[in-house]
Amino acid sequence: MFKLAIILCFAFIAYAVGDVHFIDDCLSPGKPVILYNQEVTKTGHFLQIQEENLRVPLVGFAPKNISCITVVNQMSDINGGFPYIKSGGVGYTYVDLYLKSQKNKGFDFRVTVYYDDSS
């Protein structure tokens, strides 16, 4: 019985810290320039998960390496979605994001990407 309680405790902790509802990946700022600043929303539908793939910049590459990516969940954590960086990101000239809702829910994210123009 004790072993079962320990296993359940670890399973709960792994579930609780598994996915986060935001991204805040920033280097120390020099001269930040906004590359992308948009609200990305999708409405929820019964028994469906909403998804969105987003590339920043939409076409081509940034003039310099990305220095900051923030994806802010504008819904409560109970209802909000999950953002993921699929490729690129800070230190690259692009970022591919994957935004995913919970089942039956939508999502509402504020996505902001900067590059450093100090050099």
PDB file of N, CA and C in Angstrom:
ATOM      1  N   MET A   1       0.822  -1.195   0.000  1.00  0.00           N
ATOM      2  CA  MET A   1       0.000   0.000   0.000  1.00  0.00           C
ATOM      3  C   MET A   1       0.868   1.262   0.000  1.00  0.00           C
ATOM      4  N   PHE A   2       1.947   1.239   0.773  1.00  0.00           N
ATOM      5  CA  PHE A   2       2.840   2.387   0.845  1.00  0.00           C
ATOM      6  C   PHE A   2       3.486   2.663  -0.512  1.00  0.00           C
ATOM      7  N   LYS A   3       3.891   1.591  -1.216  1.00  0.00           N
ATOM      8  CA  LYS A   3       4.503   1.752  -2.532  1.00  0.00           C
ATOM      9  C   LYS A   3       3.520   2.377  -3.520  1.00  0.00           C
ATOM     10  N   LEU A   4       2.274   1.965  -3.452  1.00  0.00           N
ATOM     11  CA  LEU A   4       1.246   2.523  -4.325  1.00  0.00           C
ATOM     12  C   LEU A   4       1.073   4.016  -4.061  1.00  0.00           C
ATOM     13  N   ALA A   5       1.083   4.402  -2.798  1.00  0.00           N
ATOM     14  CA  ALA A   5       0.950   5.821  -2.448  1.00  0.00           C
ATOM     15  C   ALA A   5       2.126   6.623  -2.991  1.00  0.00           C
ATOM     16  N   ILE A   6       3.333   6.098  -2.905  1.00  0.00           N
ATOM     17  CA  ILE A   6       4.516   6.783  -3.426  1.00  0.00           C
ATOM     18  C   ILE A   6       4.428   6.930  -4.946  1.00  0.00           C
ATOM     19  N   ILE A   7       4.035   5.865  -5.623  1.00  0.00           N
ATOM     20  CA  ILE A   7       3.915   5.902  -7.090  1.00  0.00           C
ATOM     21  C   ILE A   7       2.867   6.926  -7.511  1.00  0.00           C
ATOM     22  N   LEU A   8       1.722   6.943  -6.838  1.00  0.00           N
ATOM     23  CA  LEU A   8       0.677   7.908  -7.164  1.00  0.00           C
ATOM     24  C   LEU A   8       1.140   9.339  -6.909  1.00  0.00           C
ATOM     25  N   CYS A   9       1.903   9.537  -5.875  1.00  0.00           N
ATOM     26  CA  CYS A   9       2.425  10.864  -5.548  1.00  0.00           C
ATOM     27  C   CYS A   9       3.360  11.351  -6.658  1.00  0.00           C
ATOM     28  N   PHE A  10       4.280  10.494  -7.109  1.00  0.00           N
ATOM     29  CA  PHE A  10       5.187  10.872  -8.195  1.00  0.00           C
ATOM     30  C   PHE A  10       4.430  11.102  -9.503  1.00  0.00           C
ATOM     31  N   ALA A  11       3.427  10.303  -9.765  1.00  0.00           N
ATOM     32  CA  ALA A  11       2.635  10.471 -10.979  1.00  0.00           C
ATOM     33  C   ALA A  11       1.914  11.817 -10.961  1.00  0.00           C
ATOM     34  N   PHE A  12       1.380  12.207  -9.819  1.00  0.00           N
ATOM     35  CA  PHE A  12       0.697  13.489  -9.702  1.00  0.00           C
ATOM     36  C   PHE A  12       1.675  14.649  -9.907  1.00  0.00           C
ATOM     37  N   ILE A  13       2.856  14.560  -9.311  1.00  0.00           N
ATOM     38  CA  ILE A  13       3.854  15.617  -9.458  1.00  0.00           C
ATOM     39  C   ILE A  13       4.280  15.732 -10.917  1.00  0.00           C
ATOM     40  N   ALA A  14       4.505  14.621 -11.588  1.00  0.00           N
ATOM     41  CA  ALA A  14       4.900  14.642 -13.001  1.00  0.00           C
ATOM     42  C   ALA A  14       3.794  15.266 -13.845  1.00  0.00           C
ATOM     43  N   TYR A  15       2.536  14.969 -13.528  1.00  0.00           N
ATOM     44  CA  TYR A  15       1.414  15.539 -14.267  1.00  0.00           C
ATOM     45  C   TYR A  15       1.306  17.040 -14.011  1.00  0.00           C
ATOM     46  N   ALA A  16       1.499  17.441 -12.760  1.00  0.00           N
ATOM     47  CA  ALA A  16       1.310  18.841 -12.382  1.00  0.00           C
ATOM     48  C   ALA A  16       2.366  19.757 -12.992  1.00  0.00           C
ATOM     49  N   VAL A  17       3.582  19.277 -13.183  1.00  0.00           N
ATOM     50  CA  VAL A  17       4.639  20.135 -13.713  1.00  0.00           C
ATOM     51  C   VAL A  17       4.970  19.826 -15.172  1.00  0.00           C
ATOM     52  N   GLY A  18       4.161  19.009 -15.826  1.00  0.00           N
ATOM     53  CA  GLY A  18       4.469  18.574 -17.182  1.00  0.00           C
ATOM     54  C   GLY A  18       4.437  19.680 -18.213  1.00  0.00           C
ATOM     55  N   ASP A  19       3.314  20.324 -18.410  1.00  0.00           N
ATOM     56  CA  ASP A  19       3.161  21.352 -19.431  1.00  0.00           C
ATOM     57  C   ASP A  19       2.952  22.710 -18.776  1.00  0.00           C
ATOM     58  N   VAL A  20       3.495  23.740 -19.388  1.00  0.00           N
ATOM     59  CA  VAL A  20       3.295  25.092 -18.888  1.00  0.00           C
ATOM     60  C   VAL A  20       2.421  25.861 -19.862  1.00  0.00           C
ATOM     61  N   HIS A  21       1.816  26.927 -19.370  1.00  0.00           N
ATOM     62  CA  HIS A  21       0.873  27.700 -20.167  1.00  0.00           C
ATOM     63  C   HIS A  21       1.483  28.978 -20.733  1.00  0.00           C
ATOM     64  N   PHE A  22       2.806  29.121 -20.691  1.00  0.00           N
ATOM     65  CA  PHE A  22       3.442  30.329 -21.191  1.00  0.00           C
ATOM     66  C   PHE A  22       4.877  30.034 -21.615  1.00  0.00           C
ATOM     67  N   ILE A  23       5.464  30.952 -22.373  1.00  0.00           N
ATOM     68  CA  ILE A  23       6.894  30.909 -22.712  1.00  0.00           C
ATOM     69  C   ILE A  23       7.464  32.288 -22.392  1.00  0.00           C
ATOM     70  N   ASP A  24       8.570  32.310 -21.700  1.00  0.00           N
ATOM     71  CA  ASP A  24       9.288  33.556 -21.407  1.00  0.00           C
ATOM     72  C   ASP A  24      10.771  33.246 -21.553  1.00  0.00           C
ATOM     73  N   ASP A  25      11.276  33.372 -22.770  1.00  0.00           N
ATOM     74  CA  ASP A  25      12.659  33.011 -23.087  1.00  0.00           C
ATOM     75  C   ASP A  25      13.360  34.253 -23.631  1.00  0.00           C
ATOM     76  N   CYS A  26      14.078  34.944 -22.755  1.00  0.00           N
ATOM     77  CA  CYS A  26      14.687  36.210 -23.144  1.00  0.00           C
ATOM     78  C   CYS A  26      16.135  36.305 -22.683  1.00  0.00           C
ATOM     79  N   LEU A  27      16.965  36.896 -23.548  1.00  0.00           N
ATOM     80  CA  LEU A  27      18.321  37.265 -23.180  1.00  0.00           C
ATOM     81  C   LEU A  27      18.274  38.678 -22.621  1.00  0.00           C
ATOM     82  N   SER A  28      19.366  39.130 -22.027  1.00  0.00           N
ATOM     83  CA  SER A  28      19.384  40.504 -21.523  1.00  0.00           C
ATOM     84  C   SER A  28      19.237  41.464 -22.702  1.00  0.00           C
ATOM     85  N   PRO A  29      18.346  42.440 -22.586  1.00  0.00           N
ATOM     86  CA  PRO A  29      18.057  43.305 -23.726  1.00  0.00           C
ATOM     87  C   PRO A  29      19.170  44.304 -24.001  1.00  0.00           C
ATOM     88  N   GLY A  30      19.371  44.586 -25.263  1.00  0.00           N
ATOM     89  CA  GLY A  30      20.263  45.647 -25.701  1.00  0.00           C
ATOM     90  C   GLY A  30      19.378  46.754 -26.256  1.00  0.00           C
ATOM     91  N   LYS A  31      19.079  46.644 -27.538  1.00  0.00           N
ATOM     92  CA  LYS A  31      18.150  47.546 -28.208  1.00  0.00           C
ATOM     93  C   LYS A  31      17.054  46.684 -28.836  1.00  0.00           C
ATOM     94  N   PRO A  32      16.044  46.285 -28.053  1.00  0.00           N
ATOM     95  CA  PRO A  32      15.034  45.365 -28.588  1.00  0.00           C
ATOM     96  C   PRO A  32      14.152  46.010 -29.654  1.00  0.00           C
ATOM     97  N   VAL A  33      13.909  45.260 -30.709  1.00  0.00           N
ATOM     98  CA  VAL A  33      13.016  45.681 -31.795  1.00  0.00           C
ATOM     99  C   VAL A  33      11.944  44.603 -31.918  1.00  0.00           C
ATOM    100  N   ILE A  34      10.690  45.030 -31.918  1.00  0.00           N
ATOM    101  CA  ILE A  34       9.592  44.066 -32.029  1.00  0.00           C
ATOM    102  C   ILE A  34       9.537  43.528 -33.455  1.00  0.00           C
ATOM    103  N   LEU A  35       9.627  42.212 -33.561  1.00  0.00           N
ATOM    104  CA  LEU A  35       9.525  41.526 -34.840  1.00  0.00           C
ATOM    105  C   LEU A  35       8.087  41.063 -35.080  1.00  0.00           C
ATOM    106  N   TYR A  36       7.405  40.678 -34.002  1.00  0.00           N
ATOM    107  CA  TYR A  36       6.040  40.156 -34.101  1.00  0.00           C
ATOM    108  C   TYR A  36       5.341  40.423 -32.777  1.00  0.00           C
ATOM    109  N   ASN A  37       4.113  40.943 -32.841  1.00  0.00           N
ATOM    110  CA  ASN A  37       3.329  41.194 -31.629  1.00  0.00           C
ATOM    111  C   ASN A  37       1.859  41.063 -31.988  1.00  0.00           C
ATOM    112  N   GLN A  38       1.302  39.880 -31.772  1.00  0.00           N
ATOM    113  CA  GLN A  38      -0.084  39.614 -32.153  1.00  0.00           C
ATOM    114  C   GLN A  38      -0.781  38.761 -31.088  1.00  0.00           C
ATOM    115  N   GLU A  39      -2.097  38.882 -31.054  1.00  0.00           N
ATOM    116  CA  GLU A  39      -2.918  38.000 -30.242  1.00  0.00           C
ATOM    117  C   GLU A  39      -3.378  36.856 -31.148  1.00  0.00           C
ATOM    118  N   VAL A  40      -3.191  35.632 -30.697  1.00  0.00           N
ATOM    119  CA  VAL A  40      -3.574  34.450 -31.468  1.00  0.00           C
ATOM    120  C   VAL A  40      -4.656  33.721 -30.676  1.00  0.00           C
ATOM    121  N   THR A  41      -5.845  33.624 -31.245  1.00  0.00           N
ATOM    122  CA  THR A  41      -6.969  33.010 -30.540  1.00  0.00           C
ATOM    123  C   THR A  41      -7.653  31.963 -31.417  1.00  0.00           C
ATOM    124  N   LYS A  42      -8.224  30.992 -30.749  1.00  0.00           N
ATOM    125  CA  LYS A  42      -9.095  30.005 -31.391  1.00  0.00           C
ATOM    126  C   LYS A  42     -10.192  29.659 -30.403  1.00  0.00           C
ATOM    127  N   THR A  43     -11.386  29.477 -30.918  1.00  0.00           N
ATOM    128  CA  THR A  43     -12.532  29.121 -30.095  1.00  0.00           C
ATOM    129  C   THR A  43     -12.593  27.612 -29.913  1.00  0.00           C
ATOM    130  N   GLY A  44     -12.980  27.192 -28.725  1.00  0.00           N
ATOM    131  CA  GLY A  44     -13.092  25.763 -28.446  1.00  0.00           C
ATOM    132  C   GLY A  44     -14.336  25.154 -29.062  1.00  0.00           C
ATOM    133  N   HIS A  45     -14.260  23.856 -29.335  1.00  0.00           N
ATOM    134  CA  HIS A  45     -15.379  23.087 -29.865  1.00  0.00           C
ATOM    135  C   HIS A  45     -15.484  21.771 -29.102  1.00  0.00           C
ATOM    136  N   PHE A  46     -16.684  21.249 -29.013  1.00  0.00           N
ATOM    137  CA  PHE A  46     -16.962  20.047 -28.236  1.00  0.00           C
ATOM    138  C   PHE A  46     -16.086  18.873 -28.688  1.00  0.00           C
ATOM    139  N   LEU A  47     -15.384  18.264 -27.730  1.00  0.00           N
ATOM    140  CA  LEU A  47     -14.521  17.088 -27.914  1.00  0.00           C
ATOM    141  C   LEU A  47     -13.395  17.296 -28.932  1.00  0.00           C
ATOM    142  N   GLN A  48     -12.972  18.531 -29.113  1.00  0.00           N
ATOM    143  CA  GLN A  48     -11.882  18.817 -30.050  1.00  0.00           C
ATOM    144  C   GLN A  48     -10.757  19.567 -29.352  1.00  0.00           C
ATOM    145  N   ILE A  49      -9.552  19.391 -29.868  1.00  0.00           N
ATOM    146  CA  ILE A  49      -8.389  20.150 -29.440  1.00  0.00           C
ATOM    147  C   ILE A  49      -8.033  21.102 -30.571  1.00  0.00           C
ATOM    148  N   GLN A  50      -7.894  22.369 -30.260  1.00  0.00           N
ATOM    149  CA  GLN A  50      -7.542  23.380 -31.262  1.00  0.00           C
ATOM    150  C   GLN A  50      -6.020  23.495 -31.341  1.00  0.00           C
ATOM    151  N   GLU A  51      -5.493  23.647 -32.555  1.00  0.00           N
ATOM    152  CA  GLU A  51      -4.051  23.728 -32.766  1.00  0.00           C
ATOM    153  C   GLU A  51      -3.738  24.846 -33.758  1.00  0.00           C
ATOM    154  N   GLU A  52      -2.560  25.416 -33.607  1.00  0.00           N
ATOM    155  CA  GLU A  52      -2.094  26.447 -34.533  1.00  0.00           C
ATOM    156  C   GLU A  52      -0.580  26.358 -34.628  1.00  0.00           C
ATOM    157  N   ASN A  53      -0.077  26.306 -35.846  1.00  0.00           N
ATOM    158  CA  ASN A  53       1.362  26.411 -36.094  1.00  0.00           C
ATOM    159  C   ASN A  53       1.629  27.837 -36.542  1.00  0.00           C
ATOM    160  N   LEU A  54       2.636  28.458 -35.944  1.00  0.00           N
ATOM    161  CA  LEU A  54       2.947  29.851 -36.235  1.00  0.00           C
ATOM    162  C   LEU A  54       4.442  29.998 -36.464  1.00  0.00           C
ATOM    163  N   ARG A  55       4.809  30.603 -37.572  1.00  0.00           N
ATOM    164  CA  ARG A  55       6.216  30.881 -37.861  1.00  0.00           C
ATOM    165  C   ARG A  55       6.439  32.386 -37.784  1.00  0.00           C
ATOM    166  N   VAL A  56       7.505  32.780 -37.103  1.00  0.00           N
ATOM    167  CA  VAL A  56       7.877  34.188 -36.992  1.00  0.00           C
ATOM    168  C   VAL A  56       9.315  34.321 -37.441  1.00  0.00           C
ATOM    169  N   PRO A  57       9.615  35.203 -38.399  1.00  0.00           N
ATOM    170  CA  PRO A  57       8.661  35.950 -39.205  1.00  0.00           C
ATOM    171  C   PRO A  57       7.866  35.026 -40.124  1.00  0.00           C
ATOM    172  N   LEU A  58       6.747  35.541 -40.610  1.00  0.00           N
ATOM    173  CA  LEU A  58       5.858  34.722 -41.427  1.00  0.00           C
ATOM    174  C   LEU A  58       6.537  34.238 -42.702  1.00  0.00           C
ATOM    175  N   VAL A  59       7.418  35.061 -43.277  1.00  0.00           N
ATOM    176  CA  VAL A  59       8.158  34.716 -44.495  1.00  0.00           C
ATOM    177  C   VAL A  59       9.618  35.104 -44.287  1.00  0.00           C
ATOM    178  N   GLY A  60      10.522  34.255 -44.702  1.00  0.00           N
ATOM    179  CA  GLY A  60      11.944  34.579 -44.636  1.00  0.00           C
ATOM    180  C   GLY A  60      12.516  34.467 -43.231  1.00  0.00           C
ATOM    181  N   PHE A  61      13.469  35.362 -42.928  1.00  0.00           N
ATOM    182  CA  PHE A  61      14.167  35.320 -41.656  1.00  0.00           C
ATOM    183  C   PHE A  61      14.263  36.727 -41.087  1.00  0.00           C
ATOM    184  N   ALA A  62      14.478  36.823 -39.774  1.00  0.00           N
ATOM    185  CA  ALA A  62      14.663  38.115 -39.127  1.00  0.00           C
ATOM    186  C   ALA A  62      16.001  38.712 -39.556  1.00  0.00           C
ATOM    187  N   PRO A  63      16.137  40.042 -39.530  1.00  0.00           N
ATOM    188  CA  PRO A  63      17.403  40.659 -39.911  1.00  0.00           C
ATOM    189  C   PRO A  63      18.553  40.298 -38.973  1.00  0.00           C
ATOM    190  N   LYS A  64      18.243  39.976 -37.732  1.00  0.00           N
ATOM    191  CA  LYS A  64      19.245  39.557 -36.746  1.00  0.00           C
ATOM    192  C   LYS A  64      18.649  38.432 -35.909  1.00  0.00           C
ATOM    193  N   ASN A  65      19.473  37.810 -35.080  1.00  0.00           N
ATOM    194  CA  ASN A  65      18.997  36.706 -34.250  1.00  0.00           C
ATOM    195  C   ASN A  65      17.936  37.176 -33.255  1.00  0.00           C
ATOM    196  N   ILE A  66      16.963  36.328 -33.027  1.00  0.00           N
ATOM    197  CA  ILE A  66      15.907  36.599 -32.056  1.00  0.00           C
ATOM    198  C   ILE A  66      16.525  36.624 -30.660  1.00  0.00           C
ATOM    199  N   SER A  67      16.127  37.622 -29.868  1.00  0.00           N
ATOM    200  CA  SER A  67      16.669  37.748 -28.516  1.00  0.00           C
ATOM    201  C   SER A  67      15.632  37.513 -27.430  1.00  0.00           C
ATOM    202  N   CYS A  68      14.344  37.504 -27.785  1.00  0.00           N
ATOM    203  CA  CYS A  68      13.311  37.328 -26.762  1.00  0.00           C
ATOM    204  C   CYS A  68      12.030  36.795 -27.390  1.00  0.00           C
ATOM    205  N   ILE A  69      11.436  35.808 -26.725  1.00  0.00           N
ATOM    206  CA  ILE A  69      10.142  35.252 -27.133  1.00  0.00           C
ATOM    207  C   ILE A  69       9.273  35.194 -25.892  1.00  0.00           C
ATOM    208  N   THR A  70       8.110  35.839 -25.953  1.00  0.00           N
ATOM    209  CA  THR A  70       7.142  35.697 -24.868  1.00  0.00           C
ATOM    210  C   THR A  70       5.813  35.259 -25.470  1.00  0.00           C
ATOM    211  N   VAL A  71       5.238  34.243 -24.894  1.00  0.00           N
ATOM    212  CA  VAL A  71       3.906  33.774 -25.270  1.00  0.00           C
ATOM    213  C   VAL A  71       3.113  33.746 -23.970  1.00  0.00           C
ATOM    214  N   VAL A  72       2.180  34.691 -23.840  1.00  0.00           N
ATOM    215  CA  VAL A  72       1.431  34.858 -22.602  1.00  0.00           C
ATOM    216  C   VAL A  72       0.035  34.289 -22.778  1.00  0.00           C
ATOM    217  N   ASN A  73      -0.330  33.376 -21.900  1.00  0.00           N
ATOM    218  CA  ASN A  73      -1.667  32.793 -21.878  1.00  0.00           C
ATOM    219  C   ASN A  73      -2.610  33.823 -21.275  1.00  0.00           C
ATOM    220  N   GLN A  74      -3.601  34.260 -22.029  1.00  0.00           N
ATOM    221  CA  GLN A  74      -4.519  35.280 -21.546  1.00  0.00           C
ATOM    222  C   GLN A  74      -5.798  34.688 -20.970  1.00  0.00           C
ATOM    223  N   MET A  75      -5.828  33.364 -20.816  1.00  0.00           N
ATOM    224  CA  MET A  75      -6.940  32.689 -20.154  1.00  0.00           C
ATOM    225  C   MET A  75      -6.413  32.156 -18.818  1.00  0.00           C
ATOM    226  N   SER A  76      -7.311  31.683 -17.967  1.00  0.00           N
ATOM    227  CA  SER A  76      -6.845  31.094 -16.711  1.00  0.00           C
ATOM    228  C   SER A  76      -6.111  29.791 -17.019  1.00  0.00           C
ATOM    229  N   ASP A  77      -5.170  29.401 -16.157  1.00  0.00           N
ATOM    230  CA  ASP A  77      -4.399  28.174 -16.382  1.00  0.00           C
ATOM    231  C   ASP A  77      -5.284  26.940 -16.473  1.00  0.00           C
ATOM    232  N   ILE A  78      -6.419  26.978 -15.828  1.00  0.00           N
ATOM    233  CA  ILE A  78      -7.318  25.821 -15.879  1.00  0.00           C
ATOM    234  C   ILE A  78      -7.869  25.647 -17.294  1.00  0.00           C
ATOM    235  N   ASN A  79      -8.152  26.754 -17.976  1.00  0.00           N
ATOM    236  CA  ASN A  79      -8.755  26.700 -19.305  1.00  0.00           C
ATOM    237  C   ASN A  79      -7.783  26.985 -20.441  1.00  0.00           C
ATOM    238  N   GLY A  80      -6.626  27.512 -20.134  1.00  0.00           N
ATOM    239  CA  GLY A  80      -5.699  27.962 -21.166  1.00  0.00           C
ATOM    240  C   GLY A  80      -5.022  26.834 -21.918  1.00  0.00           C
ATOM    241  N   GLY A  81      -4.390  27.206 -23.016  1.00  0.00           N
ATOM    242  CA  GLY A  81      -3.687  26.243 -23.850  1.00  0.00           C
ATOM    243  C   GLY A  81      -2.220  26.130 -23.482  1.00  0.00           C
ATOM    244  N   PHE A  82      -1.471  25.470 -24.365  1.00  0.00           N
ATOM    245  CA  PHE A  82      -0.060  25.198 -24.132  1.00  0.00           C
ATOM    246  C   PHE A  82       0.754  25.627 -25.351  1.00  0.00           C
ATOM    247  N   PRO A  83       1.757  26.500 -25.176  1.00  0.00           N
ATOM    248  CA  PRO A  83       2.631  26.872 -26.284  1.00  0.00           C
ATOM    249  C   PRO A  83       3.926  26.052 -26.253  1.00  0.00           C
ATOM    250  N   TYR A  84       4.449  25.735 -27.415  1.00  0.00           N
ATOM    251  CA  TYR A  84       5.699  24.981 -27.532  1.00  0.00           C
ATOM    252  C   TYR A  84       6.560  25.612 -28.629  1.00  0.00           C
ATOM    253  N   ILE A  85       7.868  25.626 -28.435  1.00  0.00           N
ATOM    254  CA  ILE A  85       8.797  26.015 -29.496  1.00  0.00           C
ATOM    255  C   ILE A  85       9.203  24.745 -30.221  1.00  0.00           C
ATOM    256  N   LYS A  86       8.844  24.640 -31.504  1.00  0.00           N
ATOM    257  CA  LYS A  86       9.169  23.447 -32.287  1.00  0.00           C
ATOM    258  C   LYS A  86      10.572  23.514 -32.865  1.00  0.00           C
ATOM    259  N   SER A  87      10.972  24.690 -33.363  1.00  0.00           N
ATOM    260  CA  SER A  87      12.319  24.855 -33.915  1.00  0.00           C
ATOM    261  C   SER A  87      12.674  26.332 -33.908  1.00  0.00           C
ATOM    262  N   GLY A  88      13.960  26.598 -34.081  1.00  0.00           N
ATOM    263  CA  GLY A  88      14.430  27.971 -34.022  1.00  0.00           C
ATOM    264  C   GLY A  88      14.354  28.491 -32.600  1.00  0.00           C
ATOM    265  N   GLY A  89      14.118  29.788 -32.468  1.00  0.00           N
ATOM    266  CA  GLY A  89      13.982  30.394 -31.148  1.00  0.00           C
ATOM    267  C   GLY A  89      15.069  31.414 -30.881  1.00  0.00           C
ATOM    268  N   VAL A  90      15.341  31.659 -29.610  1.00  0.00           N
ATOM    269  CA  VAL A  90      16.351  32.638 -29.218  1.00  0.00           C
ATOM    270  C   VAL A  90      17.709  32.196 -29.762  1.00  0.00           C
ATOM    271  N   GLY A  91      18.398  33.130 -30.424  1.00  0.00           N
ATOM    272  CA  GLY A  91      19.687  32.823 -31.045  1.00  0.00           C
ATOM    273  C   GLY A  91      19.569  32.422 -32.506  1.00  0.00           C
ATOM    274  N   TYR A  92      18.342  32.267 -32.991  1.00  0.00           N
ATOM    275  CA  TYR A  92      18.086  31.938 -34.399  1.00  0.00           C
ATOM    276  C   TYR A  92      17.406  33.123 -35.075  1.00  0.00           C
ATOM    277  N   THR A  93      17.273  33.071 -36.384  1.00  0.00           N
ATOM    278  CA  THR A  93      16.605  34.141 -37.120  1.00  0.00           C
ATOM    279  C   THR A  93      15.137  33.828 -37.404  1.00  0.00           C
ATOM    280  N   TYR A  94      14.602  32.809 -36.771  1.00  0.00           N
ATOM    281  CA  TYR A  94      13.187  32.445 -36.908  1.00  0.00           C
ATOM    282  C   TYR A  94      12.779  31.622 -35.687  1.00  0.00           C
ATOM    283  N   VAL A  95      11.481  31.458 -35.512  1.00  0.00           N
ATOM    284  CA  VAL A  95      10.957  30.542 -34.498  1.00  0.00           C
ATOM    285  C   VAL A  95       9.671  29.930 -35.034  1.00  0.00           C
ATOM    286  N   ASP A  96       9.535  28.624 -34.865  1.00  0.00           N
ATOM    287  CA  ASP A  96       8.300  27.915 -35.184  1.00  0.00           C
ATOM    288  C   ASP A  96       7.626  27.558 -33.872  1.00  0.00           C
ATOM    289  N   LEU A  97       6.415  28.082 -33.680  1.00  0.00           N
ATOM    290  CA  LEU A  97       5.645  27.827 -32.462  1.00  0.00           C
ATOM    291  C   LEU A  97       4.484  26.900 -32.761  1.00  0.00           C
ATOM    292  N   TYR A  98       4.129  26.100 -31.777  1.00  0.00           N
ATOM    293  CA  TYR A  98       2.957  25.230 -31.856  1.00  0.00           C
ATOM    294  C   TYR A  98       2.084  25.580 -30.658  1.00  0.00           C
ATOM    295  N   LEU A  99       0.850  26.006 -30.918  1.00  0.00           N
ATOM    296  CA  LEU A  99      -0.091  26.373 -29.871  1.00  0.00           C
ATOM    297  C   LEU A  99      -1.200  25.335 -29.842  1.00  0.00           C
ATOM    298  N   LYS A 100      -1.521  24.858 -28.637  1.00  0.00           N
ATOM    299  CA  LYS A 100      -2.475  23.757 -28.501  1.00  0.00           C
ATOM    300  C   LYS A 100      -3.428  24.051 -27.356  1.00  0.00           C
ATOM    301  N   SER A 101      -4.709  23.786 -27.567  1.00  0.00           N
ATOM    302  CA  SER A 101      -5.706  23.975 -26.513  1.00  0.00           C
ATOM    303  C   SER A 101      -5.913  22.687 -25.739  1.00  0.00           C
ATOM    304  N   GLN A 102      -6.637  22.792 -24.659  1.00  0.00           N
ATOM    305  CA  GLN A 102      -7.111  21.611 -23.962  1.00  0.00           C
ATOM    306  C   GLN A 102      -8.386  21.137 -24.664  1.00  0.00           C
ATOM    307  N   LYS A 103      -8.764  19.902 -24.429  1.00  0.00           N
ATOM    308  CA  LYS A 103      -9.968  19.362 -25.077  1.00  0.00           C
ATOM    309  C   LYS A 103     -11.186  20.179 -24.659  1.00  0.00           C
ATOM    310  N   ASN A 104     -12.036  20.501 -25.620  1.00  0.00           N
ATOM    311  CA  ASN A 104     -13.265  21.280 -25.453  1.00  0.00           C
ATOM    312  C   ASN A 104     -13.001  22.770 -25.234  1.00  0.00           C
ATOM    313  N   LYS A 105     -11.751  23.188 -25.199  1.00  0.00           N
ATOM    314  CA  LYS A 105     -11.411  24.582 -24.891  1.00  0.00           C
ATOM    315  C   LYS A 105     -10.738  25.235 -26.092  1.00  0.00           C
ATOM    316  N   GLY A 106     -10.713  26.540 -26.083  1.00  0.00           N
ATOM    317  CA  GLY A 106      -9.962  27.301 -27.066  1.00  0.00           C
ATOM    318  C   GLY A 106      -8.677  27.795 -26.423  1.00  0.00           C
ATOM    319  N   PHE A 107      -8.021  28.748 -27.085  1.00  0.00           N
ATOM    320  CA  PHE A 107      -6.866  29.391 -26.471  1.00  0.00           C
ATOM    321  C   PHE A 107      -6.819  30.850 -26.881  1.00  0.00           C
ATOM    322  N   ASP A 108      -6.081  31.615 -26.098  1.00  0.00           N
ATOM    323  CA  ASP A 108      -5.902  33.047 -26.341  1.00  0.00           C
ATOM    324  C   ASP A 108      -4.505  33.420 -25.851  1.00  0.00           C
ATOM    325  N   PHE A 109      -3.578  33.572 -26.792  1.00  0.00           N
ATOM    326  CA  PHE A 109      -2.190  33.883 -26.467  1.00  0.00           C
ATOM    327  C   PHE A 109      -1.803  35.240 -27.036  1.00  0.00           C
ATOM    328  N   ARG A 110      -0.962  35.957 -26.320  1.00  0.00           N
ATOM    329  CA  ARG A 110      -0.287  37.148 -26.823  1.00  0.00           C
ATOM    330  C   ARG A 110       1.138  36.714 -27.135  1.00  0.00           C
ATOM    331  N   VAL A 111       1.493  36.726 -28.421  1.00  0.00           N
ATOM    332  CA  VAL A 111       2.818  36.276 -28.869  1.00  0.00           C
ATOM    333  C   VAL A 111       3.640  37.512 -29.241  1.00  0.00           C
ATOM    334  N   THR A 112       4.807  37.669 -28.605  1.00  0.00           N
ATOM    335  CA  THR A 112       5.703  38.791 -28.902  1.00  0.00           C
ATOM    336  C   THR A 112       7.117  38.238 -29.101  1.00  0.00           C
ATOM    337  N   VAL A 113       7.729  38.638 -30.202  1.00  0.00           N
ATOM    338  CA  VAL A 113       9.089  38.190 -30.535  1.00  0.00           C
ATOM    339  C   VAL A 113       9.928  39.435 -30.836  1.00  0.00           C
ATOM    340  N   TYR A 114      11.122  39.489 -30.249  1.00  0.00           N
ATOM    341  CA  TYR A 114      12.027  40.618 -30.425  1.00  0.00           C
ATOM    342  C   TYR A 114      13.370  40.132 -30.992  1.00  0.00           C
ATOM    343  N   TYR A 115      14.078  41.052 -31.649  1.00  0.00           N
ATOM    344  CA  TYR A 115      15.485  40.821 -31.949  1.00  0.00           C
ATOM    345  C   TYR A 115      16.264  42.017 -31.409  1.00  0.00           C
ATOM    346  N   ASP A 116      17.539  41.832 -31.205  1.00  0.00           N
ATOM    347  CA  ASP A 116      18.397  42.854 -30.610  1.00  0.00           C
ATOM    348  C   ASP A 116      19.130  43.600 -31.723  1.00  0.00           C
ATOM    349  N   ASP A 117      18.913  44.901 -31.794  1.00  0.00           N
ATOM    350  CA  ASP A 117      19.516  45.723 -32.843  1.00  0.00           C
ATOM    351  C   ASP A 117      20.643  46.605 -32.295  1.00  0.00           C
ATOM    352  N   SER A 118      21.318  46.144 -31.238  1.00  0.00           N
ATOM    353  CA  SER A 118      22.343  46.983 -30.612  1.00  0.00           C
ATOM    354  C   SER A 118      23.695  46.932 -31.316  1.00  0.00           C
ATOM    355  N   SER A 119      23.935  45.914 -32.149  1.00  0.00           N
ATOM    356  CA  SER A 119      25.253  45.840 -32.804  1.00  0.00           C
ATOM    357  C   SER A 119      25.211  46.346 -34.224  1.00  0.00           C
TER     358      SER A 119
END
